[in-house]
All heavy atoms as atom14 arrays in JSON, in Angstrom:
{
  "sequence": "NGFMSPNDVRELEDLNPIPDEEGGNLYLVNGALCRLKDAGIFADKNTD",
  "atom14_mask": [
    [1, 1, 1, 1, 1, 1, 1, 1, 0, 0, 0, 0, 0, 0],
    [1, 1, 1, 1, 0, 0, 0, 0, 0, 0, 0, 0, 0, 0],
    [1, 1, 1, 1, 1, 1, 1, 1, 1, 1, 1, 0, 0, 0],
    [1, 1, 1, 1, 1, 1, 1, 1, 0, 0, 0, 0, 0, 0],
    [1, 1, 1, 1, 1, 1, 0, 0, 0, 0, 0, 0, 0, 0],
    [1, 1, 1, 1, 1, 1, 1, 0, 0, 0, 0, 0, 0, 0],
    [1, 1, 1, 1, 1, 1, 1, 1, 0, 0, 0, 0, 0, 0],
    [1, 1, 1, 1, 1, 1, 1, 1, 0, 0, 0, 0, 0, 0],
    [1, 1, 1, 1, 1, 1, 1, 0, 0, 0, 0, 0, 0, 0],
    [1, 1, 1, 1, 1, 1, 1, 1, 1, 1, 1, 0, 0, 0],
    [1, 1, 1, 1, 1, 1, 1, 1, 1, 0, 0, 0, 0, 0],
    [1, 1, 1, 1, 1, 1, 1, 1, 0, 0, 0, 0, 0, 0],
    [1, 1, 1, 1, 1, 1, 1, 1, 1, 0, 0, 0, 0, 0],
    [1, 1, 1, 1, 1, 1, 1, 1, 0, 0, 0, 0, 0, 0],
    [1, 1, 1, 1, 1, 1, 1, 1, 0, 0, 0, 0, 0, 0],
    [1, 1, 1, 1, 1, 1, 1, 1, 0, 0, 0, 0, 0, 0],
    [1, 1, 1, 1, 1, 1, 1, 0, 0, 0, 0, 0, 0, 0],
    [1, 1, 1, 1, 1, 1, 1, 1, 0, 0, 0, 0, 0, 0],
    [1, 1, 1, 1, 1, 1, 1, 0, 0, 0, 0, 0, 0, 0],
    [1, 1, 1, 1, 1, 1, 1, 1, 0, 0, 0, 0, 0, 0],
    [1, 1, 1, 1, 1, 1, 1, 1, 1, 0, 0, 0, 0, 0],
    [1, 1, 1, 1, 1, 1, 1, 1, 1, 0, 0, 0, 0, 0],
    [1, 1, 1, 1, 0, 0, 0, 0, 0, 0, 0, 0, 0, 0],
    [1, 1, 1, 1, 0, 0, 0, 0, 0, 0, 0, 0, 0, 0],
    [1, 1, 1, 1, 1, 1, 1, 1, 0, 0, 0, 0, 0, 0],
    [1, 1, 1, 1, 1, 1, 1, 1, 0, 0, 0, 0, 0, 0],
    [1, 1, 1, 1, 1, 1, 1, 1, 1, 1, 1, 1, 0, 0],
    [1, 1, 1, 1, 1, 1, 1, 1, 0, 0, 0, 0, 0, 0],
    [1, 1, 1, 1, 1, 1, 1, 0, 0, 0, 0, 0, 0, 0],
    [1, 1, 1, 1, 1, 1, 1, 1, 0, 0, 0, 0, 0, 0],
    [1, 1, 1, 1, 0, 0, 0, 0, 0, 0, 0, 0, 0, 0],
    [1, 1, 1, 1, 1, 0, 0, 0, 0, 0, 0, 0, 0, 0],
    [1, 1, 1, 1, 1, 1, 1, 1, 0, 0, 0, 0, 0, 0],
    [1, 1, 1, 1, 1, 1, 0, 0, 0, 0, 0, 0, 0, 0],
    [1, 1, 1, 1, 1, 1, 1, 1, 1, 1, 1, 0, 0, 0],
    [1, 1, 1, 1, 1, 1, 1, 1, 0, 0, 0, 0, 0, 0],
    [1, 1, 1, 1, 1, 1, 1, 1, 1, 0, 0, 0, 0, 0],
    [1, 1, 1, 1, 1, 1, 1, 1, 0, 0, 0, 0, 0, 0],
    [1, 1, 1, 1, 1, 0, 0, 0, 0, 0, 0, 0, 0, 0],
    [1, 1, 1, 1, 0, 0, 0, 0, 0, 0, 0, 0, 0, 0],
    [1, 1, 1, 1, 1, 1, 1, 1, 0, 0, 0, 0, 0, 0],
    [1, 1, 1, 1, 1, 1, 1, 1, 1, 1, 1, 0, 0, 0],
    [1, 1, 1, 1, 1, 0, 0, 0, 0, 0, 0, 0, 0, 0],
    [1, 1, 1, 1, 1, 1, 1, 1, 0, 0, 0, 0, 0, 0],
    [1, 1, 1, 1, 1, 1, 1, 1, 1, 0, 0, 0, 0, 0],
    [1, 1, 1, 1, 1, 1, 1, 1, 0, 0, 0, 0, 0, 0],
    [1, 1, 1, 1, 1, 1, 1, 0, 0, 0, 0, 0, 0, 0],
    [1, 1, 1, 1, 1, 1, 1, 1, 0, 0, 0, 0, 0, 0]
  ],
  "atom14_positions": [
    [[-86.85, 70.19, -108.51], [-86.95, 69.36, -107.41], [-87.47, 70.01, -106.14], [-87.55, 69.37, -105.08], [-85.63, 68.62, -107.03], [-85.13, 67.69, -108.12], [-85.54, 66.46, -108.17], [-84.41, 68.15, -109.1], [0.0, 0.0, 0.0], [0.0, 0.0, 0.0], [0.0, 0.0, 0.0], [0.0, 0.0, 0.0], [0.0, 0.0, 0.0], [0.0, 0.0, 0.0]],
    [[-87.86, 71.26, -106.17], [-88.61, 71.96, -105.2], [-87.82, 72.48, -104.04], [-88.46, 72.85, -103.04], [0.0, 0.0, 0.0], [0.0, 0.0, 0.0], [0.0, 0.0, 0.0], [0.0, 0.0, 0.0], [0.0, 0.0, 0.0], [0.0, 0.0, 0.0], [0.0, 0.0, 0.0], [0.0, 0.0, 0.0], [0.0, 0.0, 0.0], [0.0, 0.0, 0.0]],
    [[-86.46, 72.39, -104.09], [-85.73, 72.9, -102.9], [-85.26, 74.42, -103.15], [-84.5, 75.02, -102.4], [-84.55, 72.09, -102.52], [-83.59, 71.93, -103.56], [-82.43, 72.71, -103.72], [-83.67, 70.68, -104.37], [-81.57, 72.42, -104.73], [-82.72, 70.45, -105.33], [-81.68, 71.22, -105.5], [0.0, 0.0, 0.0], [0.0, 0.0, 0.0], [0.0, 0.0, 0.0]],
    [[-85.64, 74.97, -104.24], [-85.33, 76.32, -104.66], [-86.49, 76.99, -105.3], [-87.28, 76.37, -106.14], [-84.09, 76.5, -105.59], [-82.79, 76.06, -105.08], [-81.43, 76.32, -106.18], [-81.22, 78.11, -105.94], [0.0, 0.0, 0.0], [0.0, 0.0, 0.0], [0.0, 0.0, 0.0], [0.0, 0.0, 0.0], [0.0, 0.0, 0.0], [0.0, 0.0, 0.0]],
    [[-86.74, 78.2, -105.02], [-87.87, 79.01, -105.71], [-87.21, 80.0, -106.71], [-86.01, 80.19, -106.69], [-88.58, 79.75, -104.69], [-87.88, 80.84, -104.05], [0.0, 0.0, 0.0], [0.0, 0.0, 0.0], [0.0, 0.0, 0.0], [0.0, 0.0, 0.0], [0.0, 0.0, 0.0], [0.0, 0.0, 0.0], [0.0, 0.0, 0.0], [0.0, 0.0, 0.0]],
    [[-87.99, 80.49, -107.63], [-87.5, 81.51, -108.62], [-86.75, 82.69, -107.87], [-85.74, 83.15, -108.36], [-88.64, 81.93, -109.41], [-89.6, 80.8, -109.35], [-89.42, 80.21, -108.04], [0.0, 0.0, 0.0], [0.0, 0.0, 0.0], [0.0, 0.0, 0.0], [0.0, 0.0, 0.0], [0.0, 0.0, 0.0], [0.0, 0.0, 0.0], [0.0, 0.0, 0.0]],
    [[-87.26, 83.09, -106.74], [-86.68, 84.21, -106.12], [-85.29, 83.85, -105.4], [-84.4, 84.63, -105.22], [-87.62, 84.8, -104.96], [-88.66, 85.72, -105.68], [-88.55, 86.22, -106.74], [-89.69, 85.88, -104.92], [0.0, 0.0, 0.0], [0.0, 0.0, 0.0], [0.0, 0.0, 0.0], [0.0, 0.0, 0.0], [0.0, 0.0, 0.0], [0.0, 0.0, 0.0]],
    [[-85.28, 82.57, -105.02], [-83.95, 82.05, -104.4], [-82.88, 82.12, -105.5], [-81.68, 82.62, -105.2], [-84.11, 80.6, -103.92], [-85.05, 80.49, -102.66], [-85.21, 81.56, -102.01], [-85.52, 79.43, -102.53], [0.0, 0.0, 0.0], [0.0, 0.0, 0.0], [0.0, 0.0, 0.0], [0.0, 0.0, 0.0], [0.0, 0.0, 0.0], [0.0, 0.0, 0.0]],
    [[-83.28, 81.73, -106.71], [-82.23, 81.76, -107.83], [-81.9, 83.23, -108.12], [-80.68, 83.57, -108.38], [-82.9, 81.11, -109.05], [-81.98, 81.26, -110.24], [-83.03, 79.56, -108.72], [0.0, 0.0, 0.0], [0.0, 0.0, 0.0], [0.0, 0.0, 0.0], [0.0, 0.0, 0.0], [0.0, 0.0, 0.0], [0.0, 0.0, 0.0], [0.0, 0.0, 0.0]],
    [[-82.9, 84.1, -108.27], [-82.61, 85.53, -108.51], [-81.82, 86.25, -107.51], [-81.03, 87.14, -107.86], [-84.02, 86.23, -108.74], [-84.81, 85.69, -109.9], [-86.1, 86.47, -110.09], [-85.84, 87.81, -110.49], [-85.8, 88.2, -111.8], [-85.92, 87.37, -112.75], [-85.62, 89.53, -112.08], [0.0, 0.0, 0.0], [0.0, 0.0, 0.0], [0.0, 0.0, 0.0]],
    [[-81.99, 85.81, -106.26], [-81.14, 86.4, -105.21], [-79.66, 85.96, -105.33], [-78.82, 86.91, -105.15], [-81.65, 85.98, -103.81], [-80.82, 86.61, -102.57], [-81.45, 86.14, -101.33], [-82.4, 85.35, -101.26], [-80.84, 86.55, -100.24], [0.0, 0.0, 0.0], [0.0, 0.0, 0.0], [0.0, 0.0, 0.0], [0.0, 0.0, 0.0], [0.0, 0.0, 0.0]],
    [[-79.46, 84.78, -105.75], [-78.09, 84.28, -105.98], [-77.45, 85.0, -107.2], [-76.18, 85.23, -107.3], [-78.01, 82.85, -106.21], [-78.33, 81.97, -104.96], [-78.42, 80.48, -105.26], [-77.38, 82.21, -103.8], [0.0, 0.0, 0.0], [0.0, 0.0, 0.0], [0.0, 0.0, 0.0], [0.0, 0.0, 0.0], [0.0, 0.0, 0.0], [0.0, 0.0, 0.0]],
    [[-78.26, 85.41, -108.22], [-77.69, 86.09, -109.29], [-77.83, 87.65, -109.24], [-77.66, 88.36, -110.26], [-78.53, 85.66, -110.53], [-78.25, 84.16, -110.93], [-76.84, 84.02, -111.41], [-76.28, 84.8, -112.09], [-76.27, 83.0, -111.04], [0.0, 0.0, 0.0], [0.0, 0.0, 0.0], [0.0, 0.0, 0.0], [0.0, 0.0, 0.0], [0.0, 0.0, 0.0]],
    [[-78.16, 88.17, -108.01], [-78.23, 89.59, -107.81], [-79.31, 90.22, -108.6], [-79.12, 91.3, -109.21], [-76.89, 90.24, -107.99], [-75.81, 89.84, -106.95], [-76.18, 89.6, -105.84], [-74.67, 89.78, -107.28], [0.0, 0.0, 0.0], [0.0, 0.0, 0.0], [0.0, 0.0, 0.0], [0.0, 0.0, 0.0], [0.0, 0.0, 0.0], [0.0, 0.0, 0.0]],
    [[-80.52, 89.57, -108.74], [-81.52, 90.07, -109.48], [-82.71, 90.46, -108.58], [-82.86, 89.93, -107.4], [-82.06, 89.04, -110.56], [-81.03, 88.6, -111.62], [-81.59, 87.59, -112.53], [-80.6, 89.84, -112.46], [0.0, 0.0, 0.0], [0.0, 0.0, 0.0], [0.0, 0.0, 0.0], [0.0, 0.0, 0.0], [0.0, 0.0, 0.0], [0.0, 0.0, 0.0]],
    [[-83.56, 91.29, -109.0], [-84.79, 91.75, -108.26], [-85.72, 90.62, -108.05], [-85.94, 89.81, -109.02], [-85.42, 92.96, -108.85], [-84.47, 94.16, -108.72], [-83.72, 94.37, -107.78], [-84.7, 95.1, -109.69], [0.0, 0.0, 0.0], [0.0, 0.0, 0.0], [0.0, 0.0, 0.0], [0.0, 0.0, 0.0], [0.0, 0.0, 0.0], [0.0, 0.0, 0.0]],
    [[-86.35, 90.46, -106.91], [-87.41, 89.36, -106.77], [-88.65, 89.54, -107.61], [-88.97, 90.65, -107.96], [-87.63, 89.38, -105.25], [-87.45, 90.83, -104.83], [-86.31, 91.18, -105.69], [0.0, 0.0, 0.0], [0.0, 0.0, 0.0], [0.0, 0.0, 0.0], [0.0, 0.0, 0.0], [0.0, 0.0, 0.0], [0.0, 0.0, 0.0], [0.0, 0.0, 0.0]],
    [[-89.29, 88.44, -107.83], [-90.55, 88.38, -108.55], [-91.63, 88.49, -107.53], [-91.59, 87.79, -106.44], [-90.68, 87.11, -109.38], [-89.58, 87.09, -110.5], [-92.1, 87.11, -110.1], [-89.55, 85.75, -111.27], [0.0, 0.0, 0.0], [0.0, 0.0, 0.0], [0.0, 0.0, 0.0], [0.0, 0.0, 0.0], [0.0, 0.0, 0.0], [0.0, 0.0, 0.0]],
    [[-92.75, 89.23, -107.75], [-93.87, 89.32, -106.78], [-94.52, 87.96, -106.51], [-94.48, 87.04, -107.41], [-94.86, 90.32, -107.34], [-94.03, 91.14, -108.4], [-92.97, 90.18, -108.92], [0.0, 0.0, 0.0], [0.0, 0.0, 0.0], [0.0, 0.0, 0.0], [0.0, 0.0, 0.0], [0.0, 0.0, 0.0], [0.0, 0.0, 0.0], [0.0, 0.0, 0.0]],
    [[-95.17, 87.82, -105.34], [-95.8, 86.58, -105.03], [-96.9, 86.26, -106.0], [-97.1, 85.01, -106.22], [-96.39, 86.7, -103.61], [-95.29, 86.72, -102.53], [-94.04, 86.36, -102.83], [-95.46, 87.15, -101.4], [0.0, 0.0, 0.0], [0.0, 0.0, 0.0], [0.0, 0.0, 0.0], [0.0, 0.0, 0.0], [0.0, 0.0, 0.0], [0.0, 0.0, 0.0]],
    [[-97.61, 87.18, -106.52], [-98.68, 86.85, -107.37], [-98.29, 86.21, -108.68], [-99.1, 85.72, -109.4], [-99.61, 88.1, -107.62], [-98.87, 89.32, -108.13], [-98.32, 90.19, -107.02], [-98.3, 89.76, -105.86], [-98.0, 91.37, -107.31], [0.0, 0.0, 0.0], [0.0, 0.0, 0.0], [0.0, 0.0, 0.0], [0.0, 0.0, 0.0], [0.0, 0.0, 0.0]],
    [[-97.04, 86.44, -109.01], [-96.44, 85.87, -110.25], [-95.62, 84.58, -109.93], [-95.02, 84.07, -110.84], [-95.61, 86.97, -110.99], [-96.3, 88.2, -111.32], [-95.4, 89.12, -112.11], [-94.28, 88.77, -112.42], [-95.89, 90.26, -112.5], [0.0, 0.0, 0.0], [0.0, 0.0, 0.0], [0.0, 0.0, 0.0], [0.0, 0.0, 0.0], [0.0, 0.0, 0.0]],
    [[-95.79, 84.12, -108.69], [-95.12, 82.87, -108.39], [-93.67, 82.85, -108.1], [-92.89, 81.92, -108.25], [0.0, 0.0, 0.0], [0.0, 0.0, 0.0], [0.0, 0.0, 0.0], [0.0, 0.0, 0.0], [0.0, 0.0, 0.0], [0.0, 0.0, 0.0], [0.0, 0.0, 0.0], [0.0, 0.0, 0.0], [0.0, 0.0, 0.0], [0.0, 0.0, 0.0]],
    [[-93.2, 84.06, -107.65], [-91.73, 84.17, -107.26], [-91.38, 83.28, -106.14], [-90.14, 82.88, -105.97], [0.0, 0.0, 0.0], [0.0, 0.0, 0.0], [0.0, 0.0, 0.0], [0.0, 0.0, 0.0], [0.0, 0.0, 0.0], [0.0, 0.0, 0.0], [0.0, 0.0, 0.0], [0.0, 0.0, 0.0], [0.0, 0.0, 0.0], [0.0, 0.0, 0.0]],
    [[-92.16, 83.02, -105.11], [-91.88, 82.27, -103.95], [-92.43, 80.86, -103.88], [-92.45, 80.27, -102.87], [-92.23, 83.06, -102.68], [-91.48, 84.3, -102.49], [-90.23, 84.4, -102.79], [-92.14, 85.35, -102.08], [0.0, 0.0, 0.0], [0.0, 0.0, 0.0], [0.0, 0.0, 0.0], [0.0, 0.0, 0.0], [0.0, 0.0, 0.0], [0.0, 0.0, 0.0]],
    [[-92.89, 80.38, -105.1], [-93.39, 79.03, -105.09], [-92.33, 77.99, -105.26], [-91.34, 78.15, -105.96], [-94.43, 78.88, -106.31], [-95.71, 79.66, -106.25], [-96.48, 79.54, -107.51], [-96.54, 79.33, -105.02], [0.0, 0.0, 0.0], [0.0, 0.0, 0.0], [0.0, 0.0, 0.0], [0.0, 0.0, 0.0], [0.0, 0.0, 0.0], [0.0, 0.0, 0.0]],
    [[-92.54, 76.85, -104.58], [-91.63, 75.7, -104.66], [-92.33, 74.54, -105.39], [-93.34, 74.08, -104.98], [-91.22, 75.24, -103.3], [-90.37, 76.27, -102.56], [-90.9, 77.27, -101.68], [-88.93, 76.25, -102.72], [-90.15, 78.17, -101.17], [-88.19, 77.17, -102.08], [-88.7, 78.14, -101.23], [-87.97, 79.03, -100.55], [0.0, 0.0, 0.0], [0.0, 0.0, 0.0]],
    [[-91.85, 74.26, -106.59], [-92.54, 73.39, -107.52], [-91.78, 72.05, -107.69], [-90.6, 72.12, -107.56], [-92.69, 74.03, -108.82], [-93.5, 75.42, -108.82], [-93.44, 76.07, -110.26], [-94.94, 75.24, -108.28], [0.0, 0.0, 0.0], [0.0, 0.0, 0.0], [0.0, 0.0, 0.0], [0.0, 0.0, 0.0], [0.0, 0.0, 0.0], [0.0, 0.0, 0.0]],
    [[-92.49, 70.93, -107.97], [-91.81, 69.63, -108.19], [-92.46, 69.11, -109.44], [-93.68, 69.37, -109.7], [-91.94, 68.79, -106.98], [-91.19, 69.25, -105.77], [-93.41, 68.5, -106.55], [0.0, 0.0, 0.0], [0.0, 0.0, 0.0], [0.0, 0.0, 0.0], [0.0, 0.0, 0.0], [0.0, 0.0, 0.0], [0.0, 0.0, 0.0], [0.0, 0.0, 0.0]],
    [[-91.79, 68.1, -109.93], [-92.35, 67.33, -111.08], [-93.4, 66.3, -110.55], [-93.13, 65.72, -109.52], [-91.26, 66.6, -111.85], [-90.54, 67.46, -112.84], [-91.11, 68.34, -113.35], [-89.25, 67.28, -112.92], [0.0, 0.0, 0.0], [0.0, 0.0, 0.0], [0.0, 0.0, 0.0], [0.0, 0.0, 0.0], [0.0, 0.0, 0.0], [0.0, 0.0, 0.0]],
    [[-94.51, 66.13, -111.24], [-95.56, 65.22, -110.69], [-95.21, 63.76, -110.99], [-96.0, 62.82, -110.63], [0.0, 0.0, 0.0], [0.0, 0.0, 0.0], [0.0, 0.0, 0.0], [0.0, 0.0, 0.0], [0.0, 0.0, 0.0], [0.0, 0.0, 0.0], [0.0, 0.0, 0.0], [0.0, 0.0, 0.0], [0.0, 0.0, 0.0], [0.0, 0.0, 0.0]],
    [[-94.1, 63.49, -111.62], [-93.82, 61.99, -111.9], [-93.23, 61.37, -110.57], [-93.14, 60.08, -110.78], [-92.85, 61.93, -113.08], [0.0, 0.0, 0.0], [0.0, 0.0, 0.0], [0.0, 0.0, 0.0], [0.0, 0.0, 0.0], [0.0, 0.0, 0.0], [0.0, 0.0, 0.0], [0.0, 0.0, 0.0], [0.0, 0.0, 0.0], [0.0, 0.0, 0.0]],
    [[-92.86, 61.99, -109.7], [-92.34, 61.36, -108.47], [-93.38, 61.33, -107.36], [-94.15, 62.2, -107.12], [-91.01, 62.12, -108.03], [-89.94, 62.3, -109.12], [-88.77, 63.08, -108.6], [-89.42, 60.87, -109.47], [0.0, 0.0, 0.0], [0.0, 0.0, 0.0], [0.0, 0.0, 0.0], [0.0, 0.0, 0.0], [0.0, 0.0, 0.0], [0.0, 0.0, 0.0]],
    [[-93.18, 60.27, -106.49], [-94.1, 60.1, -105.35], [-93.29, 59.36, -104.26], [-92.23, 58.79, -104.5], [-95.39, 59.41, -105.73], [-95.15, 57.65, -106.22], [0.0, 0.0, 0.0], [0.0, 0.0, 0.0], [0.0, 0.0, 0.0], [0.0, 0.0, 0.0], [0.0, 0.0, 0.0], [0.0, 0.0, 0.0], [0.0, 0.0, 0.0], [0.0, 0.0, 0.0]],
    [[-93.86, 59.29, -103.03], [-93.22, 58.6, -101.96], [-93.34, 57.09, -102.2], [-94.21, 56.62, -102.89], [-93.84, 58.95, -100.63], [-93.69, 60.37, -100.27], [-94.49, 60.7, -98.9], [-95.9, 60.4, -99.01], [-96.71, 60.64, -98.0], [-96.18, 60.93, -96.82], [-98.02, 60.48, -98.22], [0.0, 0.0, 0.0], [0.0, 0.0, 0.0], [0.0, 0.0, 0.0]],
    [[-92.39, 56.36, -101.58], [-92.44, 54.94, -101.84], [-93.55, 54.34, -101.24], [-94.13, 53.3, -101.95], [-91.14, 54.38, -101.17], [-90.93, 52.78, -101.29], [-90.76, 52.49, -102.77], [-89.68, 52.35, -100.5], [0.0, 0.0, 0.0], [0.0, 0.0, 0.0], [0.0, 0.0, 0.0], [0.0, 0.0, 0.0], [0.0, 0.0, 0.0], [0.0, 0.0, 0.0]],
    [[-94.13, 54.64, -100.12], [-95.3, 54.14, -99.58], [-96.62, 54.38, -100.44], [-97.63, 53.7, -100.36], [-95.63, 54.45, -98.17], [-95.9, 55.96, -97.99], [-96.13, 56.29, -96.53], [-96.5, 57.68, -96.28], [-96.74, 58.01, -94.8], [0.0, 0.0, 0.0], [0.0, 0.0, 0.0], [0.0, 0.0, 0.0], [0.0, 0.0, 0.0], [0.0, 0.0, 0.0]],
    [[-96.55, 55.39, -101.23], [-97.67, 55.81, -102.15], [-97.56, 55.11, -103.48], [-98.52, 55.35, -104.34], [-97.73, 57.26, -102.26], [-98.07, 58.03, -100.94], [-98.64, 57.39, -100.09], [-97.67, 59.2, -100.76], [0.0, 0.0, 0.0], [0.0, 0.0, 0.0], [0.0, 0.0, 0.0], [0.0, 0.0, 0.0], [0.0, 0.0, 0.0], [0.0, 0.0, 0.0]],
    [[-96.65, 54.32, -103.77], [-96.47, 53.72, -104.99], [-97.68, 52.79, -105.27], [-98.07, 51.91, -104.39], [-95.19, 52.93, -105.18], [0.0, 0.0, 0.0], [0.0, 0.0, 0.0], [0.0, 0.0, 0.0], [0.0, 0.0, 0.0], [0.0, 0.0, 0.0], [0.0, 0.0, 0.0], [0.0, 0.0, 0.0], [0.0, 0.0, 0.0], [0.0, 0.0, 0.0]],
    [[-98.37, 52.9, -106.38], [-99.51, 52.09, -106.85], [-100.81, 52.53, -106.2], [-101.87, 51.93, -106.45], [0.0, 0.0, 0.0], [0.0, 0.0, 0.0], [0.0, 0.0, 0.0], [0.0, 0.0, 0.0], [0.0, 0.0, 0.0], [0.0, 0.0, 0.0], [0.0, 0.0, 0.0], [0.0, 0.0, 0.0], [0.0, 0.0, 0.0], [0.0, 0.0, 0.0]],
    [[-100.88, 53.6, -105.41], [-102.04, 54.05, -104.82], [-103.11, 54.64, -105.82], [-104.31, 54.38, -105.68], [-101.76, 55.17, -103.78], [-103.08, 55.56, -102.87], [-101.3, 56.47, -104.47], [-102.8, 56.53, -101.84], [0.0, 0.0, 0.0], [0.0, 0.0, 0.0], [0.0, 0.0, 0.0], [0.0, 0.0, 0.0], [0.0, 0.0, 0.0], [0.0, 0.0, 0.0]],
    [[-102.58, 55.21, -106.91], [-103.54, 55.63, -108.0], [-104.04, 54.44, -108.74], [-105.22, 54.54, -109.21], [-102.71, 56.7, -108.85], [-102.22, 57.8, -108.2], [-100.78, 57.99, -107.94], [-103.1, 58.87, -107.77], [-100.36, 59.01, -107.23], [-102.51, 59.97, -107.16], [-101.21, 60.05, -106.85], [0.0, 0.0, 0.0], [0.0, 0.0, 0.0], [0.0, 0.0, 0.0]],
    [[-103.31, 53.46, -108.9], [-103.83, 52.28, -109.6], [-104.87, 51.58, -108.8], [-105.96, 51.13, -109.33], [-102.67, 51.27, -109.95], [0.0, 0.0, 0.0], [0.0, 0.0, 0.0], [0.0, 0.0, 0.0], [0.0, 0.0, 0.0], [0.0, 0.0, 0.0], [0.0, 0.0, 0.0], [0.0, 0.0, 0.0], [0.0, 0.0, 0.0], [0.0, 0.0, 0.0]],
    [[-104.8, 51.52, -107.49], [-105.79, 50.95, -106.65], [-107.11, 51.67, -106.66], [-108.16, 51.22, -106.7], [-105.24, 50.79, -105.14], [-104.15, 49.89, -105.06], [-104.01, 49.05, -105.97], [-103.36, 50.05, -104.06], [0.0, 0.0, 0.0], [0.0, 0.0, 0.0], [0.0, 0.0, 0.0], [0.0, 0.0, 0.0], [0.0, 0.0, 0.0], [0.0, 0.0, 0.0]],
    [[-106.91, 53.12, -106.74], [-108.1, 53.93, -106.89], [-108.87, 53.75, -108.1], [-110.04, 53.61, -108.16], [-107.63, 55.38, -106.63], [-107.32, 55.76, -105.23], [-107.0, 57.23, -105.16], [-106.61, 57.65, -103.74], [-106.4, 59.07, -103.59], [0.0, 0.0, 0.0], [0.0, 0.0, 0.0], [0.0, 0.0, 0.0], [0.0, 0.0, 0.0], [0.0, 0.0, 0.0]],
    [[-108.07, 53.49, -109.14], [-108.69, 53.28, -110.59], [-109.42, 51.87, -110.5], [-110.5, 51.84, -111.14], [-107.68, 53.4, -111.67], [-107.07, 54.84, -111.8], [-107.77, 55.78, -111.48], [-105.88, 54.88, -112.31], [0.0, 0.0, 0.0], [0.0, 0.0, 0.0], [0.0, 0.0, 0.0], [0.0, 0.0, 0.0], [0.0, 0.0, 0.0], [0.0, 0.0, 0.0]],
    [[-108.9, 50.95, -109.85], [-109.44, 49.6, -109.91], [-110.78, 49.65, -109.13], [-111.72, 49.01, -109.52], [-108.44, 48.62, -109.24], [-107.24, 48.64, -110.05], [-109.11, 47.22, -109.27], [0.0, 0.0, 0.0], [0.0, 0.0, 0.0], [0.0, 0.0, 0.0], [0.0, 0.0, 0.0], [0.0, 0.0, 0.0], [0.0, 0.0, 0.0], [0.0, 0.0, 0.0]],
    [[-110.76, 50.35, -107.95], [-111.96, 50.4, -107.13], [-113.12, 51.11, -107.97], [-114.31, 50.74, -107.94], [-111.74, 51.15, -105.87], [-110.76, 50.4, -104.95], [-110.69, 49.13, -105.17], [-110.22, 50.96, -104.08], [0.0, 0.0, 0.0], [0.0, 0.0, 0.0], [0.0, 0.0, 0.0], [0.0, 0.0, 0.0], [0.0, 0.0, 0.0], [0.0, 0.0, 0.0]]
  ]
}
């Protein structure tokens, strides 16, 4: 859900951080979710 990064988790578990080039500080989310006002925006683009 994007409110924790891999390094945030590793810090809580007393593990060494992952370098930035390997995505240790990236905040990722699932693409299936979107804002309420953006609902249907992709369908409108496909129709146009």
